[in-house]
């Protein structure tokens, strides 16, 4: 039981915000591509596959991240008690866990078409090199955005089996969404990060974070409008857009207090609600 508890702690399974932020772009891409006049069972089946895949890959990613950041985590108040940093789980055992999780994720992946499988495998180096980026660049959140939102692209091609301008624009916009919310998340550890020498957009833009967040979220909002135009959605889609706009620019940016870790975490977690709102908005565009 103690090992099970350590595994759950290691993979952050008690913190669903991580895999939900990975899952929402998958569901967006799937929903925007799917023909709802066809068999809905396929839509729900693919949704379940992407959810399982998100949980498995996020869990594996957490392990790889903790292995790479073991020495850094020991020096950060929020992360010093993580299983690997505190030596409760060995790197060897954690590596075995990660391999098993990836193996199960591959069993999920082979249910899709060959193009989706190929594109997913191509993205693997990005997923597992992200933890190293904070050592070399102030833009690790950009690499996270590229990795975390790739499921949007995969979901689209799992249905259409082809590339289109719509998922590309949506994917690029979602990258800026992640760039914004993970910058907010990074303010929790900014003092410790500066001391130990790791880099982040939180540190790079600490003097004027709200301007950077406003630009990032505005690009994401523009991408949502462009997707609506390209998909020829009706006016209801654009009217409903006021909700994510207010959530992003007013709640997350204007009301953000970067000096309070609790507030940063609250704003970060609110993106789970935002993911749901955008999903509902896409459904409105597709069905009305």
C-alpha atoms as a PDB file:
ATOM      1  CA  UNK A   1       0.000   0.000   0.000  1.00  0.00           C
ATOM      2  CA  UNK A   2       2.861   2.383   0.743  1.00  0.00           C
ATOM      3  CA  UNK A   3       4.239   1.814  -2.780  1.00  0.00           C
ATOM      4  CA  UNK A   4       0.807   2.459  -4.289  1.00  0.00           C
ATOM      5  CA  UNK A   5       0.560   5.711  -2.375  1.00  0.00           C
ATOM      6  CA  UNK A   6       4.034   6.722  -3.575  1.00  0.00           C
ATOM      7  CA  UNK A   7       3.071   5.845  -7.160  1.00  0.00           C
ATOM      8  CA  UNK A   8      -0.049   8.010  -6.925  1.00  0.00           C
ATOM      9  CA  UNK A   9       2.022  10.835  -5.488  1.00  0.00           C
ATOM     10  CA  UNK A  10       4.714  10.391  -8.122  1.00  0.00           C
ATOM     11  CA  UNK A  11       2.228  10.506 -11.002  1.00  0.00           C
ATOM     12  CA  UNK A  12       0.105  13.306  -9.454  1.00  0.00           C
ATOM     13  CA  UNK A  13      -3.076  11.281  -9.961  1.00  0.00           C
ATOM     14  CA  UNK A  14      -4.705  13.182  -7.109  1.00  0.00           C
ATOM     15  CA  UNK A  15      -4.202  16.400  -9.080  1.00  0.00           C
ATOM     16  CA  UNK A  16      -6.317  15.957 -12.207  1.00  0.00           C
ATOM     17  CA  UNK A  17      -5.683  19.511 -13.418  1.00  0.00           C
ATOM     18  CA  UNK A  18      -2.525  18.276 -15.166  1.00  0.00           C
ATOM     19  CA  UNK A  19      -4.084  15.583 -17.309  1.00  0.00           C
ATOM     20  CA  UNK A  20      -7.216  17.664 -17.912  1.00  0.00           C
ATOM     21  CA  UNK A  21      -5.119  20.470 -19.391  1.00  0.00           C
ATOM     22  CA  UNK A  22      -3.637  17.802 -21.661  1.00  0.00           C
ATOM     23  CA  UNK A  23      -7.058  16.326 -22.460  1.00  0.00           C
ATOM     24  CA  UNK A  24      -9.012  19.492 -23.294  1.00  0.00           C
ATOM     25  CA  UNK A  25      -7.091  20.269 -26.517  1.00  0.00           C
ATOM     26  CA  UNK A  26      -7.612  16.632 -27.582  1.00  0.00           C
ATOM     27  CA  UNK A  27     -11.353  16.976 -27.056  1.00  0.00           C
ATOM     28  CA  UNK A  28     -11.399  20.339 -28.857  1.00  0.00           C
ATOM     29  CA  UNK A  29      -9.656  18.855 -31.895  1.00  0.00           C
ATOM     30  CA  UNK A  30     -11.875  15.787 -31.887  1.00  0.00           C
ATOM     31  CA  UNK A  31     -15.082  17.813 -31.575  1.00  0.00           C
ATOM     32  CA  UNK A  32     -14.217  20.338 -34.236  1.00  0.00           C
ATOM     33  CA  UNK A  33     -13.340  17.565 -36.709  1.00  0.00           C
ATOM     34  CA  UNK A  34     -16.180  15.152 -36.001  1.00  0.00           C
ATOM     35  CA  UNK A  35     -19.315  14.821 -38.111  1.00  0.00           C
ATOM     36  CA  UNK A  36     -22.088  14.584 -35.526  1.00  0.00           C
ATOM     37  CA  UNK A  37     -24.484  13.202 -38.116  1.00  0.00           C
ATOM     38  CA  UNK A  38     -22.512   9.962 -38.057  1.00  0.00           C
ATOM     39  CA  UNK A  39     -22.242   7.284 -35.355  1.00  0.00           C
ATOM     40  CA  UNK A  40     -21.742   9.010 -31.984  1.00  0.00           C
ATOM     41  CA  UNK A  41     -20.296   5.856 -30.435  1.00  0.00           C
ATOM     42  CA  UNK A  42     -17.056   6.475 -32.313  1.00  0.00           C
ATOM     43  CA  UNK A  43     -16.882  10.007 -30.911  1.00  0.00           C
ATOM     44  CA  UNK A  44     -17.328   8.801 -27.331  1.00  0.00           C
ATOM     45  CA  UNK A  45     -14.903   5.908 -27.873  1.00  0.00           C
ATOM     46  CA  UNK A  46     -12.204   8.241 -29.207  1.00  0.00           C
ATOM     47  CA  UNK A  47     -12.878  10.702 -26.374  1.00  0.00           C
ATOM     48  CA  UNK A  48     -12.301   7.900 -23.854  1.00  0.00           C
ATOM     49  CA  UNK A  49      -9.098   6.867 -25.630  1.00  0.00           C
ATOM     50  CA  UNK A  50      -7.741  10.413 -25.553  1.00  0.00           C
ATOM     51  CA  UNK A  51      -8.645  10.763 -21.873  1.00  0.00           C
ATOM     52  CA  UNK A  52      -6.837   7.538 -20.984  1.00  0.00           C
ATOM     53  CA  UNK A  53      -3.884   8.558 -23.129  1.00  0.00           C
ATOM     54  CA  UNK A  54      -3.744  11.968 -21.427  1.00  0.00           C
ATOM     55  CA  UNK A  55      -3.701  10.391 -17.972  1.00  0.00           C
ATOM     56  CA  UNK A  56      -1.006   7.886 -18.915  1.00  0.00           C
ATOM     57  CA  UNK A  57       1.282  10.322 -20.716  1.00  0.00           C
ATOM     58  CA  UNK A  58       0.901  13.039 -18.119  1.00  0.00           C
ATOM     59  CA  UNK A  59       1.779  10.490 -15.426  1.00  0.00           C
ATOM     60  CA  UNK A  60       4.838   9.330 -17.365  1.00  0.00           C
ATOM     61  CA  UNK A  61       5.801  12.954 -17.989  1.00  0.00           C
ATOM     62  CA  UNK A  62       5.642  13.734 -14.271  1.00  0.00           C
ATOM     63  CA  UNK A  63       8.034  10.885 -13.555  1.00  0.00           C
ATOM     64  CA  UNK A  64      10.495  11.938 -16.252  1.00  0.00           C
ATOM     65  CA  UNK A  65      10.272  15.524 -15.006  1.00  0.00           C
ATOM     66  CA  UNK A  66      10.980  14.483 -11.411  1.00  0.00           C
ATOM     67  CA  UNK A  67      13.944  12.334 -12.455  1.00  0.00           C
ATOM     68  CA  UNK A  68      15.449  15.206 -14.446  1.00  0.00           C
ATOM     69  CA  UNK A  69      14.736  17.773 -11.716  1.00  0.00           C
ATOM     70  CA  UNK A  70      15.681  15.677  -8.674  1.00  0.00           C
ATOM     71  CA  UNK A  71      18.495  17.973  -7.568  1.00  0.00           C
ATOM     72  CA  UNK A  72      16.471  21.129  -8.279  1.00  0.00           C
ATOM     73  CA  UNK A  73      13.372  19.843  -6.487  1.00  0.00           C
ATOM     74  CA  UNK A  74      15.372  19.291  -3.312  1.00  0.00           C
ATOM     75  CA  UNK A  75      16.052  23.033  -3.152  1.00  0.00           C
ATOM     76  CA  UNK A  76      12.480  24.227  -3.772  1.00  0.00           C
ATOM     77  CA  UNK A  77      10.093  24.401  -0.824  1.00  0.00           C
ATOM     78  CA  UNK A  78       7.052  23.249  -2.819  1.00  0.00           C
ATOM     79  CA  UNK A  79       8.774  20.226  -4.377  1.00  0.00           C
ATOM     80  CA  UNK A  80      11.367  19.054  -1.851  1.00  0.00           C
ATOM     81  CA  UNK A  81       9.113  16.256  -0.543  1.00  0.00           C
ATOM     82  CA  UNK A  82       8.352  14.699  -3.926  1.00  0.00           C
ATOM     83  CA  UNK A  83       9.063  10.921  -3.900  1.00  0.00           C
ATOM     84  CA  UNK A  84      12.216  11.051  -6.031  1.00  0.00           C
ATOM     85  CA  UNK A  85      13.625  14.256  -4.537  1.00  0.00           C
ATOM     86  CA  UNK A  86      13.149  12.855  -1.026  1.00  0.00           C
ATOM     87  CA  UNK A  87      14.627   9.457  -2.051  1.00  0.00           C
ATOM     88  CA  UNK A  88      11.404   7.593  -1.225  1.00  0.00           C
ATOM     89  CA  UNK A  89      11.406   6.209  -4.783  1.00  0.00           C
ATOM     90  CA  UNK A  90      14.621   5.304  -6.605  1.00  0.00           C
ATOM     91  CA  UNK A  91      15.344   6.556 -10.100  1.00  0.00           C
ATOM     92  CA  UNK A  92      15.515   2.934 -11.306  1.00  0.00           C
ATOM     93  CA  UNK A  93      12.042   2.110  -9.990  1.00  0.00           C
ATOM     94  CA  UNK A  94      10.618   5.388 -11.275  1.00  0.00           C
ATOM     95  CA  UNK A  95      12.062   4.673 -14.723  1.00  0.00           C
ATOM     96  CA  UNK A  96      10.344   1.267 -14.762  1.00  0.00           C
ATOM     97  CA  UNK A  97       7.049   2.945 -13.849  1.00  0.00           C
ATOM     98  CA  UNK A  98       7.482   5.424 -16.708  1.00  0.00           C
ATOM     99  CA  UNK A  99       8.202   2.643 -19.218  1.00  0.00           C
ATOM    100  CA  UNK A 100       5.083   0.719 -18.184  1.00  0.00           C
ATOM    101  CA  UNK A 101       2.952   3.845 -18.487  1.00  0.00           C
ATOM    102  CA  UNK A 102       4.320   4.537 -21.966  1.00  0.00           C
ATOM    103  CA  UNK A 103       3.648   0.931 -22.954  1.00  0.00           C
ATOM    104  CA  UNK A 104       0.013   1.241 -21.894  1.00  0.00           C
ATOM    105  CA  UNK A 105      -0.215   4.566 -23.735  1.00  0.00           C
ATOM    106  CA  UNK A 106       1.047   2.837 -26.886  1.00  0.00           C
ATOM    107  CA  UNK A 107      -1.763   0.274 -26.567  1.00  0.00           C
ATOM    108  CA  UNK A 108      -4.161   3.222 -26.586  1.00  0.00           C
ATOM    109  CA  UNK A 109      -2.435   4.798 -29.576  1.00  0.00           C
ATOM    110  CA  UNK A 110      -2.668   1.771 -31.892  1.00  0.00           C
ATOM    111  CA  UNK A 111      -6.472   2.105 -31.927  1.00  0.00           C
ATOM    112  CA  UNK A 112      -6.095   5.110 -34.254  1.00  0.00           C
ATOM    113  CA  UNK A 113      -5.209   5.351 -37.946  1.00  0.00           C
ATOM    114  CA  UNK A 114      -1.600   5.009 -39.134  1.00  0.00           C
ATOM    115  CA  UNK A 115      -1.151   8.737 -39.741  1.00  0.00           C
ATOM    116  CA  UNK A 116      -2.133   9.508 -36.136  1.00  0.00           C
ATOM    117  CA  UNK A 117       0.204   6.823 -34.801  1.00  0.00           C
ATOM    118  CA  UNK A 118       3.107   8.178 -36.860  1.00  0.00           C
ATOM    119  CA  UNK A 119       2.543  11.797 -35.837  1.00  0.00           C
ATOM    120  CA  UNK A 120       2.219  10.804 -32.176  1.00  0.00           C
ATOM    121  CA  UNK A 121       5.506   8.897 -32.236  1.00  0.00           C
ATOM    122  CA  UNK A 122       7.239  11.846 -33.879  1.00  0.00           C
ATOM    123  CA  UNK A 123       6.229  14.040 -30.937  1.00  0.00           C
ATOM    124  CA  UNK A 124       7.781  11.772 -28.278  1.00  0.00           C
ATOM    125  CA  UNK A 125      11.204  13.486 -28.205  1.00  0.00           C
ATOM    126  CA  UNK A 126       9.465  16.791 -27.434  1.00  0.00           C
ATOM    127  CA  UNK A 127       7.529  15.262 -24.556  1.00  0.00           C
ATOM    128  CA  UNK A 128      10.591  13.875 -22.809  1.00  0.00           C
ATOM    129  CA  UNK A 129      13.077  16.704 -23.413  1.00  0.00           C
ATOM    130  CA  UNK A 130      10.814  19.434 -22.011  1.00  0.00           C
ATOM    131  CA  UNK A 131      12.130  19.067 -18.408  1.00  0.00           C
ATOM    132  CA  UNK A 132      15.626  19.975 -19.626  1.00  0.00           C
ATOM    133  CA  UNK A 133      14.592  23.248 -21.271  1.00  0.00           C
ATOM    134  CA  UNK A 134      14.552  25.305 -18.057  1.00  0.00           C
ATOM    135  CA  UNK A 135      18.314  24.826 -17.886  1.00  0.00           C
ATOM    136  CA  UNK A 136      18.987  26.462 -21.244  1.00  0.00           C
ATOM    137  CA  UNK A 137      16.209  28.917 -22.087  1.00  0.00           C
ATOM    138  CA  UNK A 138      13.765  31.334 -20.497  1.00  0.00           C
ATOM    139  CA  UNK A 139      11.070  29.756 -22.685  1.00  0.00           C
ATOM    140  CA  UNK A 140      10.425  26.259 -21.242  1.00  0.00           C
ATOM    141  CA  UNK A 141       6.715  27.126 -21.133  1.00  0.00           C
ATOM    142  CA  UNK A 142       6.786  27.473 -24.933  1.00  0.00           C
ATOM    143  CA  UNK A 143       8.093  23.920 -25.258  1.00  0.00           C
ATOM    144  CA  UNK A 144       5.421  22.769 -22.821  1.00  0.00           C
ATOM    145  CA  UNK A 145       2.764  24.441 -24.974  1.00  0.00           C
ATOM    146  CA  UNK A 146       4.055  22.714 -28.107  1.00  0.00           C
ATOM    147  CA  UNK A 147       3.928  19.362 -26.304  1.00  0.00           C
ATOM    148  CA  UNK A 148       0.752  19.752 -24.239  1.00  0.00           C
ATOM    149  CA  UNK A 149      -1.462  20.873 -27.115  1.00  0.00           C
ATOM    150  CA  UNK A 150      -0.214  18.411 -29.706  1.00  0.00           C
ATOM    151  CA  UNK A 151      -3.217  16.215 -28.905  1.00  0.00           C
ATOM    152  CA  UNK A 152      -5.438  18.790 -30.637  1.00  0.00           C
ATOM    153  CA  UNK A 153      -3.635  18.095 -33.886  1.00  0.00           C
ATOM    154  CA  UNK A 154      -3.668  14.329 -33.307  1.00  0.00           C
ATOM    155  CA  UNK A 155      -7.394  14.323 -32.569  1.00  0.00           C
ATOM    156  CA  UNK A 156      -8.124  16.166 -35.809  1.00  0.00           C
ATOM    157  CA  UNK A 157      -6.144  13.742 -37.988  1.00  0.00           C
ATOM    158  CA  UNK A 158      -7.586  10.740 -36.109  1.00  0.00           C
ATOM    159  CA  UNK A 159     -10.926  11.725 -37.680  1.00  0.00           C
ATOM    160  CA  UNK A 160      -9.955  13.339 -40.982  1.00  0.00           C
ATOM    161  CA  UNK A 161      -6.661  11.484 -41.686  1.00  0.00           C
ATOM    162  CA  UNK A 162      -5.300  14.694 -43.192  1.00  0.00           C
ATOM    163  CA  UNK A 163      -3.776  18.051 -42.267  1.00  0.00           C
ATOM    164  CA  UNK A 164      -5.783  21.271 -42.507  1.00  0.00           C
ATOM    165  CA  UNK A 165      -5.301  24.957 -41.748  1.00  0.00           C
ATOM    166  CA  UNK A 166      -8.008  24.799 -39.054  1.00  0.00           C
ATOM    167  CA  UNK A 167      -6.172  22.553 -36.553  1.00  0.00           C
ATOM    168  CA  UNK A 168      -2.881  24.309 -37.288  1.00  0.00           C
ATOM    169  CA  UNK A 169      -4.328  27.707 -36.325  1.00  0.00           C
ATOM    170  CA  UNK A 170      -6.096  26.212 -33.305  1.00  0.00           C
ATOM    171  CA  UNK A 171      -2.914  24.404 -32.220  1.00  0.00           C
ATOM    172  CA  UNK A 172      -0.759  27.516 -32.516  1.00  0.00           C
ATOM    173  CA  UNK A 173      -3.283  29.526 -30.519  1.00  0.00           C
ATOM    174  CA  UNK A 174      -3.469  26.856 -27.814  1.00  0.00           C
ATOM    175  CA  UNK A 175       0.309  27.011 -27.441  1.00  0.00           C
ATOM    176  CA  UNK A 176      -0.079  30.629 -26.310  1.00  0.00           C
ATOM    177  CA  UNK A 177      -2.813  29.539 -23.899  1.00  0.00           C
ATOM    178  CA  UNK A 178      -0.348  27.166 -22.234  1.00  0.00           C
ATOM    179  CA  UNK A 179       2.358  29.812 -22.393  1.00  0.00           C
ATOM    180  CA  UNK A 180       0.061  32.040 -20.347  1.00  0.00           C
ATOM    181  CA  UNK A 181      -1.226  29.647 -17.701  1.00  0.00           C
ATOM    182  CA  UNK A 182       2.140  27.991 -17.085  1.00  0.00           C
ATOM    183  CA  UNK A 183       3.756  31.403 -16.640  1.00  0.00           C
ATOM    184  CA  UNK A 184       1.172  32.065 -13.923  1.00  0.00           C
ATOM    185  CA  UNK A 185       1.977  28.669 -12.405  1.00  0.00           C
ATOM    186  CA  UNK A 186       5.690  29.479 -12.419  1.00  0.00           C
ATOM    187  CA  UNK A 187       5.253  32.483 -10.129  1.00  0.00           C
ATOM    188  CA  UNK A 188       4.734  30.068  -7.241  1.00  0.00           C
ATOM    189  CA  UNK A 189       8.422  29.105  -7.319  1.00  0.00           C
ATOM    190  CA  UNK A 190      10.007  32.213  -8.784  1.00  0.00           C
ATOM    191  CA  UNK A 191      12.147  33.061  -5.736  1.00  0.00           C
ATOM    192  CA  UNK A 192      13.545  29.543  -5.423  1.00  0.00           C
ATOM    193  CA  UNK A 193      14.041  29.277  -9.195  1.00  0.00           C
ATOM    194  CA  UNK A 194      16.096  32.460  -9.292  1.00  0.00           C
ATOM    195  CA  UNK A 195      18.303  31.218  -6.453  1.00  0.00           C
ATOM    196  CA  UNK A 196      19.028  27.805  -8.005  1.00  0.00           C
ATOM    197  CA  UNK A 197      19.445  29.241 -11.505  1.00  0.00           C
ATOM    198  CA  UNK A 198      16.643  27.694 -13.571  1.00  0.00           C
ATOM    199  CA  UNK A 199      14.868  29.783 -16.181  1.00  0.00           C
ATOM    200  CA  UNK A 200      11.223  30.461 -17.034  1.00  0.00           C
ATOM    201  CA  UNK A 201       8.959  33.036 -18.660  1.00  0.00           C
ATOM    202  CA  UNK A 202       7.836  33.908 -15.116  1.00  0.00           C
ATOM    203  CA  UNK A 203      11.362  35.159 -14.421  1.00  0.00           C
ATOM    204  CA  UNK A 204      11.858  36.726 -17.840  1.00  0.00           C
ATOM    205  CA  UNK A 205       8.682  38.812 -17.610  1.00  0.00           C
ATOM    206  CA  UNK A 206       8.518  39.300 -13.835  1.00  0.00           C
ATOM    207  CA  UNK A 207       8.675  43.098 -14.170  1.00  0.00           C
ATOM    208  CA  UNK A 208       5.552  43.290 -16.328  1.00  0.00           C
ATOM    209  CA  UNK A 209       3.851  39.855 -16.367  1.00  0.00           C
ATOM    210  CA  UNK A 210       0.349  41.106 -17.110  1.00  0.00           C
ATOM    211  CA  UNK A 211       1.414  42.624 -20.428  1.00  0.00           C
ATOM    212  CA  UNK A 212       2.958  39.324 -21.499  1.00  0.00           C
ATOM    213  CA  UNK A 213      -0.092  37.365 -20.337  1.00  0.00           C
ATOM    214  CA  UNK A 214      -2.439  39.766 -22.127  1.00  0.00           C
ATOM    215  CA  UNK A 215      -0.548  39.295 -25.403  1.00  0.00           C
ATOM    216  CA  UNK A 216      -0.429  35.489 -25.043  1.00  0.00           C
ATOM    217  CA  UNK A 217      -4.106  35.137 -24.210  1.00  0.00           C
ATOM    218  CA  UNK A 218      -5.114  37.626 -26.908  1.00  0.00           C
ATOM    219  CA  UNK A 219      -3.370  35.478 -29.538  1.00  0.00           C
ATOM    220  CA  UNK A 220      -5.269  32.462 -28.227  1.00  0.00           C
ATOM    221  CA  UNK A 221      -8.569  34.349 -28.425  1.00  0.00           C
ATOM    222  CA  UNK A 222      -7.812  35.486 -31.989  1.00  0.00           C
ATOM    223  CA  UNK A 223      -7.169  31.851 -32.952  1.00  0.00           C
ATOM    224  CA  UNK A 224     -10.583  30.887 -31.561  1.00  0.00           C
ATOM    225  CA  UNK A 225     -12.240  33.547 -33.715  1.00  0.00           C
ATOM    226  CA  UNK A 226     -10.304  32.437 -36.806  1.00  0.00           C
ATOM    227  CA  UNK A 227     -11.335  28.829 -36.226  1.00  0.00           C
ATOM    228  CA  UNK A 228     -14.964  29.927 -35.973  1.00  0.00           C
ATOM    229  CA  UNK A 229     -14.677  31.834 -39.246  1.00  0.00           C
ATOM    230  CA  UNK A 230     -12.936  29.006 -41.094  1.00  0.00           C
ATOM    231  CA  UNK A 231     -15.496  26.486 -39.807  1.00  0.00           C
ATOM    232  CA  UNK A 232     -18.312  28.890 -40.823  1.00  0.00           C
ATOM    233  CA  UNK A 233     -19.851  28.722 -37.362  1.00  0.00           C
ATOM    234  CA  UNK A 234     -22.981  30.758 -36.766  1.00  0.00           C
ATOM    235  CA  UNK A 235     -23.220  33.924 -34.652  1.00  0.00           C
ATOM    236  CA  UNK A 236     -23.971  31.987 -31.448  1.00  0.00           C
ATOM    237  CA  UNK A 237     -20.380  30.721 -31.349  1.00  0.00           C
ATOM    238  CA  UNK A 238     -19.006  34.264 -31.472  1.00  0.00           C
ATOM    239  CA  UNK A 239     -21.494  35.599 -28.911  1.00  0.00           C
ATOM    240  CA  UNK A 240     -20.617  32.846 -26.447  1.00  0.00           C
ATOM    241  CA  UNK A 241     -16.939  33.772 -26.888  1.00  0.00           C
ATOM    242  CA  UNK A 242     -17.414  36.595 -24.372  1.00  0.00           C
ATOM    243  CA  UNK A 243     -17.194  34.058 -21.532  1.00  0.00           C
ATOM    244  CA  UNK A 244     -13.663  32.754 -22.276  1.00  0.00           C
ATOM    245  CA  UNK A 245     -12.544  36.298 -23.089  1.00  0.00           C
ATOM    246  CA  UNK A 246     -13.664  37.573 -19.673  1.00  0.00           C
ATOM    247  CA  UNK A 247     -12.235  34.512 -17.922  1.00  0.00           C
ATOM    248  CA  UNK A 248      -8.831  34.974 -19.548  1.00  0.00           C
ATOM    249  CA  UNK A 249      -8.354  38.719 -19.677  1.00  0.00           C
ATOM    250  CA  UNK A 250     -10.282  39.823 -16.576  1.00  0.00           C
ATOM    251  CA  UNK A 251     -10.104  36.958 -14.091  1.00  0.00           C
ATOM    252  CA  UNK A 252      -6.706  35.535 -14.979  1.00  0.00           C
ATOM    253  CA  UNK A 253      -4.810  38.654 -16.062  1.00  0.00           C
ATOM    254  CA  UNK A 254      -6.355  41.722 -14.478  1.00  0.00           C
ATOM    255  CA  UNK A 255      -7.050  40.122 -11.089  1.00  0.00           C
ATOM    256  CA  UNK A 256      -3.801  38.161 -10.888  1.00  0.00           C
ATOM    257  CA  UNK A 257      -1.578  38.783  -7.859  1.00  0.00           C
ATOM    258  CA  UNK A 258       1.830  37.313  -8.672  1.00  0.00           C
ATOM    259  CA  UNK A 259       3.039  37.900  -5.120  1.00  0.00           C
ATOM    260  CA  UNK A 260       0.567  35.378  -3.694  1.00  0.00           C
ATOM    261  CA  UNK A 261       1.238  31.714  -4.488  1.00  0.00           C
ATOM    262  CA  UNK A 262      -2.319  30.738  -3.571  1.00  0.00           C
ATOM    263  CA  UNK A 263      -3.747  33.221  -6.056  1.00  0.00           C
ATOM    264  CA  UNK A 264      -1.389  32.018  -8.803  1.00  0.00           C
ATOM    265  CA  UNK A 265      -2.421  28.416  -8.200  1.00  0.00           C
ATOM    266  CA  UNK A 266      -6.103  29.391  -8.223  1.00  0.00           C
ATOM    267  CA  UNK A 267      -5.752  31.230 -11.533  1.00  0.00           C
ATOM    268  CA  UNK A 268      -3.813  28.323 -12.993  1.00  0.00           C
ATOM    269  CA  UNK A 269      -6.445  25.764 -11.959  1.00  0.00           C
ATOM    270  CA  UNK A 270      -9.234  27.914 -13.416  1.00  0.00           C
ATOM    271  CA  UNK A 271      -8.010  26.871 -16.865  1.00  0.00           C
ATOM    272  CA  UNK A 272      -9.732  23.539 -16.354  1.00  0.00           C
ATOM    273  CA  UNK A 273     -13.039  25.434 -16.300  1.00  0.00           C
ATOM    274  CA  UNK A 274     -11.900  27.412 -19.327  1.00  0.00           C
ATOM    275  CA  UNK A 275     -11.238  24.174 -21.205  1.00  0.00           C
ATOM    276  CA  UNK A 276     -14.822  23.098 -20.523  1.00  0.00           C
ATOM    277  CA  UNK A 277     -16.201  26.460 -21.655  1.00  0.00           C
ATOM    278  CA  UNK A 278     -14.301  26.318 -24.950  1.00  0.00           C
ATOM    279  CA  UNK A 279     -15.498  22.737 -25.483  1.00  0.00           C
ATOM    280  CA  UNK A 280     -19.107  23.879 -24.976  1.00  0.00           C
ATOM    281  CA  UNK A 281     -18.471  26.763 -27.355  1.00  0.00           C
ATOM    282  CA  UNK A 282     -17.231  24.382 -30.052  1.00  0.00           C
ATOM    283  CA  UNK A 283     -20.318  22.197 -29.558  1.00  0.00           C
ATOM    284  CA  UNK A 284     -22.479  25.291 -30.039  1.00  0.00           C
ATOM    285  CA  UNK A 285     -20.636  26.036 -33.254  1.00  0.00           C
ATOM    286  CA  UNK A 286     -20.997  22.476 -34.522  1.00  0.00           C
ATOM    287  CA  UNK A 287     -24.563  21.752 -33.527  1.00  0.00           C
ATOM    288  CA  UNK A 288     -26.464  25.040 -33.795  1.00  0.00           C
END
